[in-house]
């Protein structure tokens, strides 16, 4: 925690960044793994369950759905050309 708090303080932003506290801005990723040790055994597998960037949270399912829609649109557009 000191690494992020000290970095935020060096940038003059410690009052709103650097620690996980109510009212502070944070980017957070929640992974579907029982411990960090399991990450190497699932290399290449999307373990993201949900994430938050600047307070706006998203689910991995919704993100995947948007990516799939983009791919479908690209395929349809390339057929039309």
C-alpha atoms as a PDB file:
ATOM      1  CA  UNK A   1       0.000   0.000   0.000  1.00  0.00           C
ATOM      2  CA  UNK A   2       2.888   2.364   0.664  1.00  0.00           C
ATOM      3  CA  UNK A   3       4.015   2.096  -2.946  1.00  0.00           C
ATOM      4  CA  UNK A   4       0.737   3.438  -4.309  1.00  0.00           C
ATOM      5  CA  UNK A   5       0.198   6.021  -1.565  1.00  0.00           C
ATOM      6  CA  UNK A   6       3.728   7.394  -1.895  1.00  0.00           C
ATOM      7  CA  UNK A   7       3.413   7.549  -5.682  1.00  0.00           C
ATOM      8  CA  UNK A   8       0.125   9.458  -5.368  1.00  0.00           C
ATOM      9  CA  UNK A   9       1.707  11.800  -2.816  1.00  0.00           C
ATOM     10  CA  UNK A  10       4.647  12.451  -5.145  1.00  0.00           C
ATOM     11  CA  UNK A  11       2.156  13.526  -7.808  1.00  0.00           C
ATOM     12  CA  UNK A  12       0.247  15.683  -5.324  1.00  0.00           C
ATOM     13  CA  UNK A  13      -2.865  13.485  -5.519  1.00  0.00           C
ATOM     14  CA  UNK A  14      -2.790  11.568  -2.222  1.00  0.00           C
ATOM     15  CA  UNK A  15      -6.056  13.172  -1.086  1.00  0.00           C
ATOM     16  CA  UNK A  16      -8.007  11.377  -3.840  1.00  0.00           C
ATOM     17  CA  UNK A  17      -5.736   8.486  -4.964  1.00  0.00           C
ATOM     18  CA  UNK A  18      -3.288   5.931  -3.587  1.00  0.00           C
ATOM     19  CA  UNK A  19      -5.355   3.869  -1.114  1.00  0.00           C
ATOM     20  CA  UNK A  20      -8.618   1.931  -1.118  1.00  0.00           C
ATOM     21  CA  UNK A  21     -10.875   4.141   0.970  1.00  0.00           C
ATOM     22  CA  UNK A  22     -14.451   5.416   0.590  1.00  0.00           C
ATOM     23  CA  UNK A  23     -14.495   8.551  -1.522  1.00  0.00           C
ATOM     24  CA  UNK A  24     -11.159   7.891  -3.250  1.00  0.00           C
ATOM     25  CA  UNK A  25     -10.812   7.099  -6.933  1.00  0.00           C
ATOM     26  CA  UNK A  26      -9.458   3.621  -7.784  1.00  0.00           C
ATOM     27  CA  UNK A  27      -9.093   1.118 -10.611  1.00  0.00           C
ATOM     28  CA  UNK A  28      -9.857  -2.411  -9.350  1.00  0.00           C
ATOM     29  CA  UNK A  29      -9.954  -5.823 -11.057  1.00  0.00           C
ATOM     30  CA  UNK A  30     -11.615  -8.864  -9.441  1.00  0.00           C
ATOM     31  CA  UNK A  31     -10.237 -12.175 -10.705  1.00  0.00           C
ATOM     32  CA  UNK A  32     -11.897 -15.582 -10.494  1.00  0.00           C
ATOM     33  CA  UNK A  33      -8.937 -17.405  -8.952  1.00  0.00           C
ATOM     34  CA  UNK A  34      -8.631 -18.734  -5.394  1.00  0.00           C
ATOM     35  CA  UNK A  35      -5.165 -17.216  -4.962  1.00  0.00           C
ATOM     36  CA  UNK A  36      -2.511 -15.393  -7.007  1.00  0.00           C
ATOM     37  CA  UNK A  37      -0.630 -18.703  -7.321  1.00  0.00           C
ATOM     38  CA  UNK A  38      -3.356 -19.993  -9.637  1.00  0.00           C
ATOM     39  CA  UNK A  39      -2.803 -17.255 -12.225  1.00  0.00           C
ATOM     40  CA  UNK A  40       0.166 -19.024 -13.832  1.00  0.00           C
ATOM     41  CA  UNK A  41      -1.863 -22.213 -14.280  1.00  0.00           C
ATOM     42  CA  UNK A  42      -4.571 -20.375 -16.202  1.00  0.00           C
ATOM     43  CA  UNK A  43      -2.332 -18.349 -18.522  1.00  0.00           C
ATOM     44  CA  UNK A  44      -4.292 -17.203 -21.564  1.00  0.00           C
ATOM     45  CA  UNK A  45      -7.664 -17.692 -19.841  1.00  0.00           C
ATOM     46  CA  UNK A  46      -9.754 -14.635 -19.013  1.00  0.00           C
ATOM     47  CA  UNK A  47     -10.176 -14.784 -15.232  1.00  0.00           C
ATOM     48  CA  UNK A  48     -11.626 -11.261 -14.931  1.00  0.00           C
ATOM     49  CA  UNK A  49     -15.002 -11.397 -13.181  1.00  0.00           C
ATOM     50  CA  UNK A  50     -15.596  -7.670 -12.802  1.00  0.00           C
ATOM     51  CA  UNK A  51     -13.609  -4.463 -12.927  1.00  0.00           C
ATOM     52  CA  UNK A  52     -13.911  -0.848 -12.006  1.00  0.00           C
ATOM     53  CA  UNK A  53     -12.220   2.135 -13.562  1.00  0.00           C
ATOM     54  CA  UNK A  54     -12.568   5.522 -11.902  1.00  0.00           C
ATOM     55  CA  UNK A  55     -15.611   4.308  -9.996  1.00  0.00           C
ATOM     56  CA  UNK A  56     -17.547   2.927 -12.980  1.00  0.00           C
ATOM     57  CA  UNK A  57     -17.847  -0.836 -12.566  1.00  0.00           C
ATOM     58  CA  UNK A  58     -18.391  -3.314 -15.374  1.00  0.00           C
ATOM     59  CA  UNK A  59     -18.889  -7.036 -15.457  1.00  0.00           C
ATOM     60  CA  UNK A  60     -16.627  -9.180 -17.606  1.00  0.00           C
ATOM     61  CA  UNK A  61     -19.721 -10.737 -19.217  1.00  0.00           C
ATOM     62  CA  UNK A  62     -21.004  -7.378 -20.446  1.00  0.00           C
ATOM     63  CA  UNK A  63     -17.559  -6.502 -21.786  1.00  0.00           C
ATOM     64  CA  UNK A  64     -17.316  -9.836 -23.600  1.00  0.00           C
ATOM     65  CA  UNK A  65     -20.771  -9.330 -25.094  1.00  0.00           C
ATOM     66  CA  UNK A  66     -19.795  -5.934 -26.495  1.00  0.00           C
ATOM     67  CA  UNK A  67     -16.625  -7.400 -27.997  1.00  0.00           C
ATOM     68  CA  UNK A  68     -18.643 -10.200 -29.610  1.00  0.00           C
ATOM     69  CA  UNK A  69     -21.079  -7.668 -31.098  1.00  0.00           C
ATOM     70  CA  UNK A  70     -18.191  -5.664 -32.533  1.00  0.00           C
ATOM     71  CA  UNK A  71     -16.767  -8.822 -34.128  1.00  0.00           C
ATOM     72  CA  UNK A  72     -20.141  -9.704 -35.652  1.00  0.00           C
ATOM     73  CA  UNK A  73     -20.530  -6.179 -37.087  1.00  0.00           C
ATOM     74  CA  UNK A  74     -17.035  -6.379 -38.572  1.00  0.00           C
ATOM     75  CA  UNK A  75     -17.837  -9.722 -40.206  1.00  0.00           C
ATOM     76  CA  UNK A  76     -21.086  -8.371 -41.676  1.00  0.00           C
ATOM     77  CA  UNK A  77     -19.391  -5.216 -42.972  1.00  0.00           C
ATOM     78  CA  UNK A  78     -16.565  -7.209 -44.582  1.00  0.00           C
ATOM     79  CA  UNK A  79     -19.137  -9.394 -46.404  1.00  0.00           C
ATOM     80  CA  UNK A  80     -20.844  -6.282 -47.799  1.00  0.00           C
ATOM     81  CA  UNK A  81     -17.622  -4.965 -49.320  1.00  0.00           C
END
